[in-house]
Amino acid sequence: MKKNKATIHDIAEKLNITASTVSRALNDNPRISDATKKKVLKIAKQINYQPNHIASALRSGKSRLVGVIVPTANRNFFSSVIRGIEDIANNLNYKIIISQSYDEFEKEVQNVEALLNARVDGVIASIGKTTENVEHFQKILEKGIPLVLFDRISNELEVSQVVIDDHLGAYQTVDHLIKSGCKRIIHFTSNQRINIYKERKRGYEDALVDNGIAVDPKLIFDCNMQLEGGRQVMQGILDQKIKFDAVFSSSDYSIMGAMQVLKEKGFKIPEDIKLAGFGNEPFTSFTEPSITTVDQKSVPMGQITAETFFEILNSDGNNVMGKKTILKPELIIRDSSL
């Protein structure tokens, strides 16, 4: 027989008080004495009471839960953003529910449905690479629930957004490579519907032009931004015998793959080829040579995203339309480009 789940009525019966008193004690209501709160918490622990957030949300209109959708949580960037979001949410007595889309559109749609069914008070999201239709996010807004986007955003949604200046980060990186003597700089990019790749490519091109170097489309390569993708693209470049003296990738992972292939083929870095990535993943400082990259200010991004979210949540449920916060990136110059 399945054991019945403990309820506030069980706690009330053991303490000979009302269920409403138990509920107020569990929610730290100032009208309830500290002594009663301690007794309630003690019994709750003894009988393994677990609050029903959905039922609570239905009663109060607030679940104190925030849904967070990321492409993947095992990347340092996204895990650090989540940490920043939690810093703010936990201080306000809110908890977050993390969902991963794995850059799959259908999975992202399912995540939105699941979070709405969980009665979250709002959603914070970074859009997946394959997402072209944003109707599932529009559904959140139609329900009057706050939505804030970070990093990978969509201009089709009138919502608040928090990003870094991807154009500036790319521009500074390519400008640094040019000033280090490079003239034929390969660029790894990805789906141009994704704002971060579009802006980083634009920064790459503008830096070339401003330094008097013509943009050569033959030096721009599409990549899935994974380590293996970087390896495959670099192998193809070498097979085609394309002349180049540097590589700037929109991802640290793909530049790591490129570096592996170059070293296997006997190239010296940075003497023969200079390399730079984007993201400041932890491994970039441990490789040999260490990799020049762009720090995306991930923890501050998470904190500002959460602050923006709670500003909206506490503003009578009205979304702050079009509020866009742009953080300044930091170019970290390391051995791979010196």
C-alpha atoms as a PDB file:
ATOM      1  CA  MET A   1       0.000   0.000   0.000  1.00  0.00           C
ATOM      2  CA  LYS A   2       1.287   3.458  -0.929  1.00  0.00           C
ATOM      3  CA  LYS A   3       1.724   5.672   2.112  1.00  0.00           C
ATOM      4  CA  ASN A   4      -0.428   8.792   2.032  1.00  0.00           C
ATOM      5  CA  LYS A   5       1.485  12.031   1.673  1.00  0.00           C
ATOM      6  CA  ALA A   6       1.691  14.147   4.839  1.00  0.00           C
ATOM      7  CA  THR A   7      -0.472  17.290   4.858  1.00  0.00           C
ATOM      8  CA  ILE A   8      -0.781  20.424   6.961  1.00  0.00           C
ATOM      9  CA  HIS A   9      -3.836  18.813   8.566  1.00  0.00           C
ATOM     10  CA  ASP A  10      -1.580  16.064   9.970  1.00  0.00           C
ATOM     11  CA  ILE A  11       0.672  18.701  11.521  1.00  0.00           C
ATOM     12  CA  ALA A  12      -2.343  20.589  12.872  1.00  0.00           C
ATOM     13  CA  GLU A  13      -3.751  17.439  14.484  1.00  0.00           C
ATOM     14  CA  LYS A  14      -0.477  16.614  16.248  1.00  0.00           C
ATOM     15  CA  LEU A  15      -0.156  20.140  17.651  1.00  0.00           C
ATOM     16  CA  ASN A  16      -3.884  20.633  18.291  1.00  0.00           C
ATOM     17  CA  ILE A  17      -3.961  23.832  16.241  1.00  0.00           C
ATOM     18  CA  THR A  18      -5.809  24.826  13.056  1.00  0.00           C
ATOM     19  CA  ALA A  19      -4.554  24.018   9.562  1.00  0.00           C
ATOM     20  CA  SER A  20      -4.594  27.742   8.725  1.00  0.00           C
ATOM     21  CA  THR A  21      -2.222  28.388  11.638  1.00  0.00           C
ATOM     22  CA  VAL A  22       0.100  25.695  10.314  1.00  0.00           C
ATOM     23  CA  SER A  23      -0.030  27.239   6.840  1.00  0.00           C
ATOM     24  CA  ARG A  24       0.823  30.679   8.195  1.00  0.00           C
ATOM     25  CA  ALA A  25       3.666  29.262  10.281  1.00  0.00           C
ATOM     26  CA  LEU A  26       5.164  27.464   7.286  1.00  0.00           C
ATOM     27  CA  ASN A  27       4.976  30.703   5.291  1.00  0.00           C
ATOM     28  CA  ASP A  28       6.708  32.644   8.093  1.00  0.00           C
ATOM     29  CA  ASN A  29       3.692  34.844   8.746  1.00  0.00           C
ATOM     30  CA  PRO A  30       4.605  37.541  11.324  1.00  0.00           C
ATOM     31  CA  ARG A  31       1.268  36.976  13.097  1.00  0.00           C
ATOM     32  CA  ILE A  32       2.482  33.542  14.244  1.00  0.00           C
ATOM     33  CA  SER A  33       4.830  33.333  17.244  1.00  0.00           C
ATOM     34  CA  ASP A  34       8.370  32.017  16.826  1.00  0.00           C
ATOM     35  CA  ALA A  35       7.602  29.253  19.334  1.00  0.00           C
ATOM     36  CA  THR A  36       4.686  27.988  17.216  1.00  0.00           C
ATOM     37  CA  LYS A  37       6.766  28.218  14.037  1.00  0.00           C
ATOM     38  CA  LYS A  38       9.499  26.085  15.604  1.00  0.00           C
ATOM     39  CA  LYS A  39       6.971  23.444  16.730  1.00  0.00           C
ATOM     40  CA  VAL A  40       5.377  23.338  13.285  1.00  0.00           C
ATOM     41  CA  LEU A  41       8.727  23.002  11.503  1.00  0.00           C
ATOM     42  CA  LYS A  42       9.803  20.264  13.915  1.00  0.00           C
ATOM     43  CA  ILE A  43       6.678  18.168  13.289  1.00  0.00           C
ATOM     44  CA  ALA A  44       6.854  18.874   9.543  1.00  0.00           C
ATOM     45  CA  LYS A  45      10.349  17.428   9.487  1.00  0.00           C
ATOM     46  CA  GLN A  46       9.360  14.417  11.600  1.00  0.00           C
ATOM     47  CA  ILE A  47       6.503  13.394   9.296  1.00  0.00           C
ATOM     48  CA  ASN A  48       8.390  14.361   6.114  1.00  0.00           C
ATOM     49  CA  TYR A  49       5.897  17.001   5.070  1.00  0.00           C
ATOM     50  CA  GLN A  50       6.489  18.347   1.541  1.00  0.00           C
ATOM     51  CA  PRO A  51       4.581  21.475   0.493  1.00  0.00           C
ATOM     52  CA  ASN A  52       2.352  21.237  -2.574  1.00  0.00           C
ATOM     53  CA  HIS A  53       3.553  24.212  -4.609  1.00  0.00           C
ATOM     54  CA  ILE A  54       0.828  23.884  -7.220  1.00  0.00           C
ATOM     55  CA  ALA A  55      -1.953  23.855  -4.637  1.00  0.00           C
ATOM     56  CA  SER A  56      -0.308  26.775  -2.873  1.00  0.00           C
ATOM     57  CA  ALA A  57      -0.065  28.673  -6.151  1.00  0.00           C
ATOM     58  CA  LEU A  58      -3.751  28.083  -6.843  1.00  0.00           C
ATOM     59  CA  ARG A  59      -4.675  29.431  -3.398  1.00  0.00           C
ATOM     60  CA  SER A  60      -2.362  32.451  -3.279  1.00  0.00           C
ATOM     61  CA  GLY A  61      -1.776  33.174  -6.942  1.00  0.00           C
ATOM     62  CA  LYS A  62       1.975  32.829  -6.368  1.00  0.00           C
ATOM     63  CA  SER A  63       4.127  29.707  -6.366  1.00  0.00           C
ATOM     64  CA  ARG A  64       7.416  31.504  -5.574  1.00  0.00           C
ATOM     65  CA  LEU A  65       8.922  29.433  -8.379  1.00  0.00           C
ATOM     66  CA  VAL A  66      10.743  30.803 -11.419  1.00  0.00           C
ATOM     67  CA  GLY A  67      11.262  28.667 -14.518  1.00  0.00           C
ATOM     68  CA  VAL A  68      14.677  28.915 -16.193  1.00  0.00           C
ATOM     69  CA  ILE A  69      15.192  27.455 -19.681  1.00  0.00           C
ATOM     70  CA  VAL A  70      18.740  27.051 -21.000  1.00  0.00           C
ATOM     71  CA  PRO A  71      20.131  25.136 -23.991  1.00  0.00           C
ATOM     72  CA  THR A  72      22.320  23.095 -21.642  1.00  0.00           C
ATOM     73  CA  ALA A  73      23.288  23.445 -17.999  1.00  0.00           C
ATOM     74  CA  ASN A  74      26.672  21.717 -18.264  1.00  0.00           C
ATOM     75  CA  ARG A  75      28.354  24.660 -20.004  1.00  0.00           C
ATOM     76  CA  ASN A  76      30.234  26.971 -17.664  1.00  0.00           C
ATOM     77  CA  PHE A  77      28.506  30.016 -19.167  1.00  0.00           C
ATOM     78  CA  PHE A  78      24.952  28.784 -18.553  1.00  0.00           C
ATOM     79  CA  SER A  79      25.725  27.244 -15.159  1.00  0.00           C
ATOM     80  CA  SER A  80      27.268  30.570 -14.073  1.00  0.00           C
ATOM     81  CA  VAL A  81      24.234  32.518 -15.307  1.00  0.00           C
ATOM     82  CA  ILE A  82      22.020  30.128 -13.321  1.00  0.00           C
ATOM     83  CA  ARG A  83      24.170  30.772 -10.257  1.00  0.00           C
ATOM     84  CA  GLY A  84      23.659  34.521 -10.700  1.00  0.00           C
ATOM     85  CA  ILE A  85      19.898  34.059 -11.054  1.00  0.00           C
ATOM     86  CA  GLU A  86      19.798  31.927  -7.903  1.00  0.00           C
ATOM     87  CA  ASP A  87      21.785  34.527  -5.943  1.00  0.00           C
ATOM     88  CA  ILE A  88      18.970  37.018  -6.434  1.00  0.00           C
ATOM     89  CA  ALA A  89      16.015  34.601  -6.359  1.00  0.00           C
ATOM     90  CA  ASN A  90      17.041  32.839  -3.149  1.00  0.00           C
ATOM     91  CA  ASN A  91      17.513  36.143  -1.343  1.00  0.00           C
ATOM     92  CA  LEU A  92      13.888  36.910  -2.212  1.00  0.00           C
ATOM     93  CA  ASN A  93      12.729  33.482  -1.006  1.00  0.00           C
ATOM     94  CA  TYR A  94      12.129  32.207  -4.539  1.00  0.00           C
ATOM     95  CA  LYS A  95      13.293  28.905  -5.990  1.00  0.00           C
ATOM     96  CA  ILE A  96      14.114  28.151  -9.603  1.00  0.00           C
ATOM     97  CA  ILE A  97      13.212  25.192 -11.801  1.00  0.00           C
ATOM     98  CA  ILE A  98      15.870  24.526 -14.449  1.00  0.00           C
ATOM     99  CA  SER A  99      14.877  23.047 -17.818  1.00  0.00           C
ATOM    100  CA  GLN A 100      17.260  22.184 -20.658  1.00  0.00           C
ATOM    101  CA  SER A 101      16.244  22.404 -24.314  1.00  0.00           C
ATOM    102  CA  TYR A 102      19.445  20.841 -25.694  1.00  0.00           C
ATOM    103  CA  ASP A 103      18.954  23.291 -28.594  1.00  0.00           C
ATOM    104  CA  GLU A 104      15.923  21.231 -29.714  1.00  0.00           C
ATOM    105  CA  PHE A 105      12.818  23.206 -30.645  1.00  0.00           C
ATOM    106  CA  GLU A 106      10.300  20.533 -29.576  1.00  0.00           C
ATOM    107  CA  LYS A 107      12.053  20.086 -26.247  1.00  0.00           C
ATOM    108  CA  GLU A 108      11.921  23.829 -25.677  1.00  0.00           C
ATOM    109  CA  VAL A 109       8.169  23.883 -26.385  1.00  0.00           C
ATOM    110  CA  GLN A 110       7.686  21.008 -23.926  1.00  0.00           C
ATOM    111  CA  ASN A 111       9.708  22.849 -21.294  1.00  0.00           C
ATOM    112  CA  VAL A 112       7.485  25.900 -21.578  1.00  0.00           C
ATOM    113  CA  GLU A 113       4.355  23.739 -21.210  1.00  0.00           C
ATOM    114  CA  ALA A 114       5.793  21.947 -18.175  1.00  0.00           C
ATOM    115  CA  LEU A 115       6.714  25.203 -16.447  1.00  0.00           C
ATOM    116  CA  LEU A 116       3.296  26.703 -17.093  1.00  0.00           C
ATOM    117  CA  ASN A 117       1.675  23.545 -15.698  1.00  0.00           C
ATOM    118  CA  ALA A 118       3.889  23.905 -12.616  1.00  0.00           C
ATOM    119  CA  ARG A 119       2.341  27.362 -12.094  1.00  0.00           C
ATOM    120  CA  VAL A 120       5.680  29.199 -12.097  1.00  0.00           C
ATOM    121  CA  ASP A 121       5.443  32.921 -11.427  1.00  0.00           C
ATOM    122  CA  GLY A 122       7.510  33.657 -14.522  1.00  0.00           C
ATOM    123  CA  VAL A 123      10.098  32.387 -16.988  1.00  0.00           C
ATOM    124  CA  ILE A 124      13.710  33.328 -17.746  1.00  0.00           C
ATOM    125  CA  ALA A 125      15.065  31.808 -20.956  1.00  0.00           C
ATOM    126  CA  SER A 126      17.881  31.610 -23.480  1.00  0.00           C
ATOM    127  CA  ILE A 127      16.550  30.495 -26.859  1.00  0.00           C
ATOM    128  CA  GLY A 128      17.828  27.326 -28.572  1.00  0.00           C
ATOM    129  CA  LYS A 129      19.753  27.328 -31.854  1.00  0.00           C
ATOM    130  CA  THR A 130      17.015  25.567 -33.820  1.00  0.00           C
ATOM    131  CA  THR A 131      14.151  27.767 -32.614  1.00  0.00           C
ATOM    132  CA  GLU A 132      12.602  29.774 -35.455  1.00  0.00           C
ATOM    133  CA  ASN A 133       9.024  29.961 -34.181  1.00  0.00           C
ATOM    134  CA  VAL A 134       8.552  31.759 -30.843  1.00  0.00           C
ATOM    135  CA  GLU A 135       4.817  31.148 -30.385  1.00  0.00           C
ATOM    136  CA  HIS A 136       5.449  29.064 -27.265  1.00  0.00           C
ATOM    137  CA  PHE A 137       7.140  32.061 -25.630  1.00  0.00           C
ATOM    138  CA  GLN A 138       4.342  34.343 -26.823  1.00  0.00           C
ATOM    139  CA  LYS A 139       1.946  31.998 -25.007  1.00  0.00           C
ATOM    140  CA  ILE A 140       3.700  32.872 -21.725  1.00  0.00           C
ATOM    141  CA  LEU A 141       3.059  36.571 -22.324  1.00  0.00           C
ATOM    142  CA  GLU A 142      -0.571  35.972 -23.291  1.00  0.00           C
ATOM    143  CA  LYS A 143      -1.107  34.384 -19.882  1.00  0.00           C
ATOM    144  CA  GLY A 144       0.194  37.564 -18.254  1.00  0.00           C
ATOM    145  CA  ILE A 145       3.298  35.822 -16.949  1.00  0.00           C
ATOM    146  CA  PRO A 146       6.629  37.716 -16.952  1.00  0.00           C
ATOM    147  CA  LEU A 147       9.255  36.559 -19.451  1.00  0.00           C
ATOM    148  CA  VAL A 148      12.866  37.752 -19.620  1.00  0.00           C
ATOM    149  CA  LEU A 149      15.385  36.580 -22.223  1.00  0.00           C
ATOM    150  CA  PHE A 150      19.158  36.509 -21.835  1.00  0.00           C
ATOM    151  CA  ASP A 151      22.130  35.863 -24.148  1.00  0.00           C
ATOM    152  CA  ARG A 152      20.199  34.253 -27.029  1.00  0.00           C
ATOM    153  CA  ILE A 153      17.240  36.511 -27.589  1.00  0.00           C
ATOM    154  CA  SER A 154      14.501  37.138 -30.156  1.00  0.00           C
ATOM    155  CA  ASN A 155      13.538  40.539 -31.502  1.00  0.00           C
ATOM    156  CA  GLU A 156      10.121  39.093 -32.356  1.00  0.00           C
ATOM    157  CA  LEU A 157       9.188  39.160 -28.671  1.00  0.00           C
ATOM    158  CA  GLU A 158       8.520  42.451 -26.893  1.00  0.00           C
ATOM    159  CA  VAL A 159      10.209  41.470 -23.657  1.00  0.00           C
ATOM    160  CA  SER A 160      13.101  42.608 -21.520  1.00  0.00           C
ATOM    161  CA  GLN A 161      16.475  41.249 -22.562  1.00  0.00           C
ATOM    162  CA  VAL A 162      19.937  40.994 -21.018  1.00  0.00           C
ATOM    163  CA  VAL A 163      22.912  40.441 -23.316  1.00  0.00           C
ATOM    164  CA  ILE A 164      26.573  41.300 -23.614  1.00  0.00           C
ATOM    165  CA  ASP A 165      27.878  43.444 -26.445  1.00  0.00           C
ATOM    166  CA  ASP A 166      28.785  40.528 -28.731  1.00  0.00           C
ATOM    167  CA  HIS A 167      29.738  42.921 -31.532  1.00  0.00           C
ATOM    168  CA  LEU A 168      32.219  44.740 -29.301  1.00  0.00           C
ATOM    169  CA  GLY A 169      33.716  41.499 -27.965  1.00  0.00           C
ATOM    170  CA  ALA A 170      34.314  40.188 -31.485  1.00  0.00           C
ATOM    171  CA  TYR A 171      35.577  43.552 -32.750  1.00  0.00           C
ATOM    172  CA  GLN A 172      38.138  43.856 -29.944  1.00  0.00           C
ATOM    173  CA  THR A 173      39.345  40.291 -30.499  1.00  0.00           C
ATOM    174  CA  VAL A 174      39.857  40.651 -34.255  1.00  0.00           C
ATOM    175  CA  ASP A 175      41.426  44.086 -33.807  1.00  0.00           C
ATOM    176  CA  HIS A 176      43.885  42.513 -31.362  1.00  0.00           C
ATOM    177  CA  LEU A 177      44.745  39.745 -33.869  1.00  0.00           C
ATOM    178  CA  ILE A 178      45.327  42.307 -36.628  1.00  0.00           C
ATOM    179  CA  LYS A 179      47.566  44.408 -34.384  1.00  0.00           C
ATOM    180  CA  SER A 180      49.474  41.188 -33.633  1.00  0.00           C
ATOM    181  CA  GLY A 181      50.311  40.978 -37.347  1.00  0.00           C
ATOM    182  CA  CYS A 182      47.466  38.830 -38.696  1.00  0.00           C
ATOM    183  CA  LYS A 183      45.847  39.628 -42.059  1.00  0.00           C
ATOM    184  CA  ARG A 184      44.025  36.438 -43.113  1.00  0.00           C
ATOM    185  CA  ILE A 185      41.773  35.649 -40.184  1.00  0.00           C
ATOM    186  CA  ILE A 186      39.359  32.742 -40.410  1.00  0.00           C
ATOM    187  CA  HIS A 187      36.046  33.051 -38.575  1.00  0.00           C
ATOM    188  CA  PHE A 188      33.921  30.191 -37.213  1.00  0.00           C
ATOM    189  CA  THR A 189      30.268  31.221 -37.003  1.00  0.00           C
ATOM    190  CA  SER A 190      26.854  29.527 -36.783  1.00  0.00           C
ATOM    191  CA  ASN A 191      23.130  30.054 -37.413  1.00  0.00           C
ATOM    192  CA  GLN A 192      22.702  33.742 -38.248  1.00  0.00           C
ATOM    193  CA  ARG A 193      19.162  33.708 -36.846  1.00  0.00           C
ATOM    194  CA  ILE A 194      20.835  33.489 -33.435  1.00  0.00           C
ATOM    195  CA  ASN A 195      21.683  37.032 -32.361  1.00  0.00           C
ATOM    196  CA  ILE A 196      25.006  36.173 -30.702  1.00  0.00           C
ATOM    197  CA  TYR A 197      26.496  34.613 -33.850  1.00  0.00           C
ATOM    198  CA  LYS A 198      25.137  37.360 -36.072  1.00  0.00           C
ATOM    199  CA  GLU A 199      26.625  40.085 -33.853  1.00  0.00           C
ATOM    200  CA  ARG A 200      29.993  38.334 -33.462  1.00  0.00           C
ATOM    201  CA  LYS A 201      30.264  37.938 -37.228  1.00  0.00           C
ATOM    202  CA  ARG A 202      29.399  41.605 -37.672  1.00  0.00           C
ATOM    203  CA  GLY A 203      32.111  42.557 -35.168  1.00  0.00           C
ATOM    204  CA  TYR A 204      34.623  40.391 -37.040  1.00  0.00           C
ATOM    205  CA  GLU A 205      33.773  42.053 -40.359  1.00  0.00           C
ATOM    206  CA  ASP A 206      33.777  45.607 -38.977  1.00  0.00           C
ATOM    207  CA  ALA A 207      37.193  45.129 -37.358  1.00  0.00           C
ATOM    208  CA  LEU A 208      38.632  43.942 -40.684  1.00  0.00           C
ATOM    209  CA  VAL A 209      37.163  46.845 -42.640  1.00  0.00           C
ATOM    210  CA  ASP A 210      38.245  49.459 -40.079  1.00  0.00           C
ATOM    211  CA  ASN A 211      41.791  48.109 -40.367  1.00  0.00           C
ATOM    212  CA  GLY A 212      41.767  48.293 -44.148  1.00  0.00           C
ATOM    213  CA  ILE A 213      41.343  44.542 -44.732  1.00  0.00           C
ATOM    214  CA  ALA A 214      38.669  43.369 -47.139  1.00  0.00           C
ATOM    215  CA  VAL A 215      36.170  40.795 -45.871  1.00  0.00           C
ATOM    216  CA  ASP A 216      36.762  37.486 -47.672  1.00  0.00           C
ATOM    217  CA  PRO A 217      33.662  35.228 -47.524  1.00  0.00           C
ATOM    218  CA  LYS A 218      35.942  32.240 -48.224  1.00  0.00           C
ATOM    219  CA  LEU A 219      37.453  32.707 -44.747  1.00  0.00           C
ATOM    220  CA  ILE A 220      34.083  32.485 -42.957  1.00  0.00           C
ATOM    221  CA  PHE A 221      32.984  28.963 -42.028  1.00  0.00           C
ATOM    222  CA  ASP A 222      29.777  27.601 -40.544  1.00  0.00           C
ATOM    223  CA  CYS A 223      30.376  25.417 -37.479  1.00  0.00           C
ATOM    224  CA  ASN A 224      28.210  23.765 -34.847  1.00  0.00           C
ATOM    225  CA  MET A 225      30.366  25.425 -32.152  1.00  0.00           C
ATOM    226  CA  GLN A 226      31.273  22.063 -30.591  1.00  0.00           C
ATOM    227  CA  LEU A 227      34.779  20.657 -30.147  1.00  0.00           C
ATOM    228  CA  GLU A 228      34.266  18.013 -32.830  1.00  0.00           C
ATOM    229  CA  GLY A 229      32.788  20.630 -35.149  1.00  0.00           C
ATOM    230  CA  GLY A 230      35.903  22.758 -34.745  1.00  0.00           C
ATOM    231  CA  ARG A 231      38.057  19.749 -35.575  1.00  0.00           C
ATOM    232  CA  GLN A 232      36.068  18.927 -38.707  1.00  0.00           C
ATOM    233  CA  VAL A 233      36.046  22.479 -40.041  1.00  0.00           C
ATOM    234  CA  MET A 234      39.767  22.946 -39.415  1.00  0.00           C
ATOM    235  CA  GLN A 235      40.590  19.646 -41.118  1.00  0.00           C
ATOM    236  CA  GLY A 236      38.576  20.774 -44.133  1.00  0.00           C
ATOM    237  CA  ILE A 237      40.427  24.101 -44.240  1.00  0.00           C
ATOM    238  CA  LEU A 238      43.786  22.349 -44.214  1.00  0.00           C
ATOM    239  CA  ASP A 239      42.641  19.889 -46.880  1.00  0.00           C
ATOM    240  CA  GLN A 240      41.673  22.834 -49.112  1.00  0.00           C
ATOM    241  CA  LYS A 241      45.112  24.394 -48.473  1.00  0.00           C
ATOM    242  CA  ILE A 242      43.545  27.741 -47.584  1.00  0.00           C
ATOM    243  CA  LYS A 243      46.127  30.282 -46.458  1.00  0.00           C
ATOM    244  CA  PHE A 244      45.450  31.870 -43.064  1.00  0.00           C
ATOM    245  CA  ASP A 245      47.384  33.186 -40.092  1.00  0.00           C
ATOM    246  CA  ALA A 246      44.691  33.288 -37.392  1.00  0.00           C
ATOM    247  CA  VAL A 247      41.329  31.837 -36.376  1.00  0.00           C
ATOM    248  CA  PHE A 248      38.642  33.636 -34.405  1.00  0.00           C
ATOM    249  CA  SER A 249      35.759  31.421 -33.311  1.00  0.00           C
ATOM    250  CA  SER A 250      32.430  32.388 -31.774  1.00  0.00           C
ATOM    251  CA  SER A 251      32.928  29.510 -29.331  1.00  0.00           C
ATOM    252  CA  ASP A 252      35.765  28.333 -27.098  1.00  0.00           C
ATOM    253  CA  TYR A 253      34.813  24.719 -27.799  1.00  0.00           C
ATOM    254  CA  SER A 254      35.264  24.940 -31.567  1.00  0.00           C
ATOM    255  CA  ILE A 255      38.538  26.877 -31.244  1.00  0.00           C
ATOM    256  CA  MET A 256      39.769  24.112 -28.941  1.00  0.00           C
ATOM    257  CA  GLY A 257      38.936  21.552 -31.639  1.00  0.00           C
ATOM    258  CA  ALA A 258      40.752  23.654 -34.241  1.00  0.00           C
ATOM    259  CA  MET A 259      43.802  23.918 -31.996  1.00  0.00           C
ATOM    260  CA  GLN A 260      43.928  20.153 -31.519  1.00  0.00           C
ATOM    261  CA  VAL A 261      44.030  19.556 -35.288  1.00  0.00           C
ATOM    262  CA  LEU A 262      46.620  22.291 -35.892  1.00  0.00           C
ATOM    263  CA  LYS A 263      48.944  20.876 -33.228  1.00  0.00           C
ATOM    264  CA  GLU A 264      48.492  17.345 -34.587  1.00  0.00           C
ATOM    265  CA  LYS A 265      49.567  18.646 -38.011  1.00  0.00           C
ATOM    266  CA  GLY A 266      52.704  20.233 -36.590  1.00  0.00           C
ATOM    267  CA  PHE A 267      51.664  23.882 -36.521  1.00  0.00           C
ATOM    268  CA  LYS A 268      53.095  26.017 -33.723  1.00  0.00           C
ATOM    269  CA  ILE A 269      50.699  28.264 -31.845  1.00  0.00           C
ATOM    270  CA  PRO A 270      50.994  31.258 -31.795  1.00  0.00           C
ATOM    271  CA  GLU A 271      54.146  31.369 -33.966  1.00  0.00           C
ATOM    272  CA  ASP A 272      52.454  29.916 -37.088  1.00  0.00           C
ATOM    273  CA  ILE A 273      48.763  30.457 -36.325  1.00  0.00           C
ATOM    274  CA  LYS A 274      47.144  32.677 -33.705  1.00  0.00           C
ATOM    275  CA  LEU A 275      43.863  31.593 -32.104  1.00  0.00           C
ATOM    276  CA  ALA A 276      41.035  33.271 -30.186  1.00  0.00           C
ATOM    277  CA  GLY A 277      37.679  32.027 -28.923  1.00  0.00           C
ATOM    278  CA  PHE A 278      34.626  33.442 -27.165  1.00  0.00           C
ATOM    279  CA  GLY A 279      33.136  32.527 -23.787  1.00  0.00           C
ATOM    280  CA  ASN A 280      36.025  32.214 -21.315  1.00  0.00           C
ATOM    281  CA  GLU A 281      35.286  28.574 -20.542  1.00  0.00           C
ATOM    282  CA  PRO A 282      37.508  27.337 -17.667  1.00  0.00           C
ATOM    283  CA  PHE A 283      39.602  25.052 -19.906  1.00  0.00           C
ATOM    284  CA  THR A 284      40.865  28.030 -21.937  1.00  0.00           C
ATOM    285  CA  SER A 285      43.244  28.996 -19.137  1.00  0.00           C
ATOM    286  CA  PHE A 286      44.570  25.426 -18.704  1.00  0.00           C
ATOM    287  CA  THR A 287      45.366  24.487 -22.307  1.00  0.00           C
ATOM    288  CA  GLU A 288      48.870  24.626 -23.759  1.00  0.00           C
ATOM    289  CA  PRO A 289      49.034  27.303 -24.953  1.00  0.00           C
ATOM    290  CA  SER A 290      46.289  29.064 -23.016  1.00  0.00           C
ATOM    291  CA  ILE A 291      43.554  30.449 -25.264  1.00  0.00           C
ATOM    292  CA  THR A 292      42.695  34.100 -25.848  1.00  0.00           C
ATOM    293  CA  THR A 293      38.962  34.552 -25.325  1.00  0.00           C
ATOM    294  CA  VAL A 294      36.134  36.924 -24.383  1.00  0.00           C
ATOM    295  CA  ASP A 295      34.619  36.891 -20.910  1.00  0.00           C
ATOM    296  CA  GLN A 296      30.816  37.127 -21.120  1.00  0.00           C
ATOM    297  CA  LYS A 297      30.272  38.288 -17.523  1.00  0.00           C
ATOM    298  CA  SER A 298      28.009  35.314 -16.917  1.00  0.00           C
ATOM    299  CA  VAL A 299      27.347  35.673 -13.167  1.00  0.00           C
ATOM    300  CA  PRO A 300      26.528  39.407 -13.422  1.00  0.00           C
ATOM    301  CA  MET A 301      24.355  38.590 -16.437  1.00  0.00           C
ATOM    302  CA  GLY A 302      22.380  36.121 -14.312  1.00  0.00           C
ATOM    303  CA  GLN A 303      22.035  38.584 -11.456  1.00  0.00           C
ATOM    304  CA  ILE A 304      20.878  41.435 -13.702  1.00  0.00           C
ATOM    305  CA  THR A 305      18.484  39.104 -15.534  1.00  0.00           C
ATOM    306  CA  ALA A 306      16.933  38.061 -12.210  1.00  0.00           C
ATOM    307  CA  GLU A 307      16.733  41.665 -10.981  1.00  0.00           C
ATOM    308  CA  THR A 308      14.986  42.619 -14.231  1.00  0.00           C
ATOM    309  CA  PHE A 309      12.582  39.700 -13.824  1.00  0.00           C
ATOM    310  CA  PHE A 310      11.595  40.617 -10.262  1.00  0.00           C
ATOM    311  CA  GLU A 311      11.206  44.265 -11.265  1.00  0.00           C
ATOM    312  CA  ILE A 312       8.620  43.100 -13.796  1.00  0.00           C
ATOM    313  CA  LEU A 313       7.005  40.650 -11.368  1.00  0.00           C
ATOM    314  CA  ASN A 314       6.505  43.395  -8.795  1.00  0.00           C
ATOM    315  CA  SER A 315       5.179  45.957 -11.263  1.00  0.00           C
ATOM    316  CA  ASP A 316       1.525  44.846 -11.198  1.00  0.00           C
ATOM    317  CA  GLY A 317       2.272  42.021 -13.626  1.00  0.00           C
ATOM    318  CA  ASN A 318       3.100  44.365 -16.504  1.00  0.00           C
ATOM    319  CA  ASN A 319       6.077  43.391 -18.619  1.00  0.00           C
ATOM    320  CA  VAL A 320       8.632  46.162 -19.075  1.00  0.00           C
ATOM    321  CA  MET A 321       8.461  46.223 -22.853  1.00  0.00           C
ATOM    322  CA  GLY A 322      11.687  46.531 -24.763  1.00  0.00           C
ATOM    323  CA  LYS A 323      14.020  47.069 -21.804  1.00  0.00           C
ATOM    324  CA  LYS A 324      17.401  45.886 -23.041  1.00  0.00           C
ATOM    325  CA  THR A 325      20.468  45.699 -20.823  1.00  0.00           C
ATOM    326  CA  ILE A 326      23.798  45.373 -22.637  1.00  0.00           C
ATOM    327  CA  LEU A 327      26.847  44.333 -20.609  1.00  0.00           C
ATOM    328  CA  LYS A 328      30.392  45.149 -21.672  1.00  0.00           C
ATOM    329  CA  PRO A 329      32.547  42.074 -22.432  1.00  0.00           C
ATOM    330  CA  GLU A 330      36.202  41.710 -21.513  1.00  0.00           C
ATOM    331  CA  LEU A 331      38.901  40.525 -23.928  1.00  0.00           C
ATOM    332  CA  ILE A 332      41.296  38.185 -22.118  1.00  0.00           C
ATOM    333  CA  ILE A 333      44.572  37.974 -24.044  1.00  0.00           C
ATOM    334  CA  ARG A 334      46.505  34.754 -23.481  1.00  0.00           C
ATOM    335  CA  ASP A 335      49.371  32.834 -25.076  1.00  0.00           C
ATOM    336  CA  SER A 336      47.484  31.609 -28.172  1.00  0.00           C
ATOM    337  CA  SER A 337      47.542  35.078 -29.740  1.00  0.00           C
ATOM    338  CA  LEU A 338      50.603  36.791 -28.282  1.00  0.00           C
END
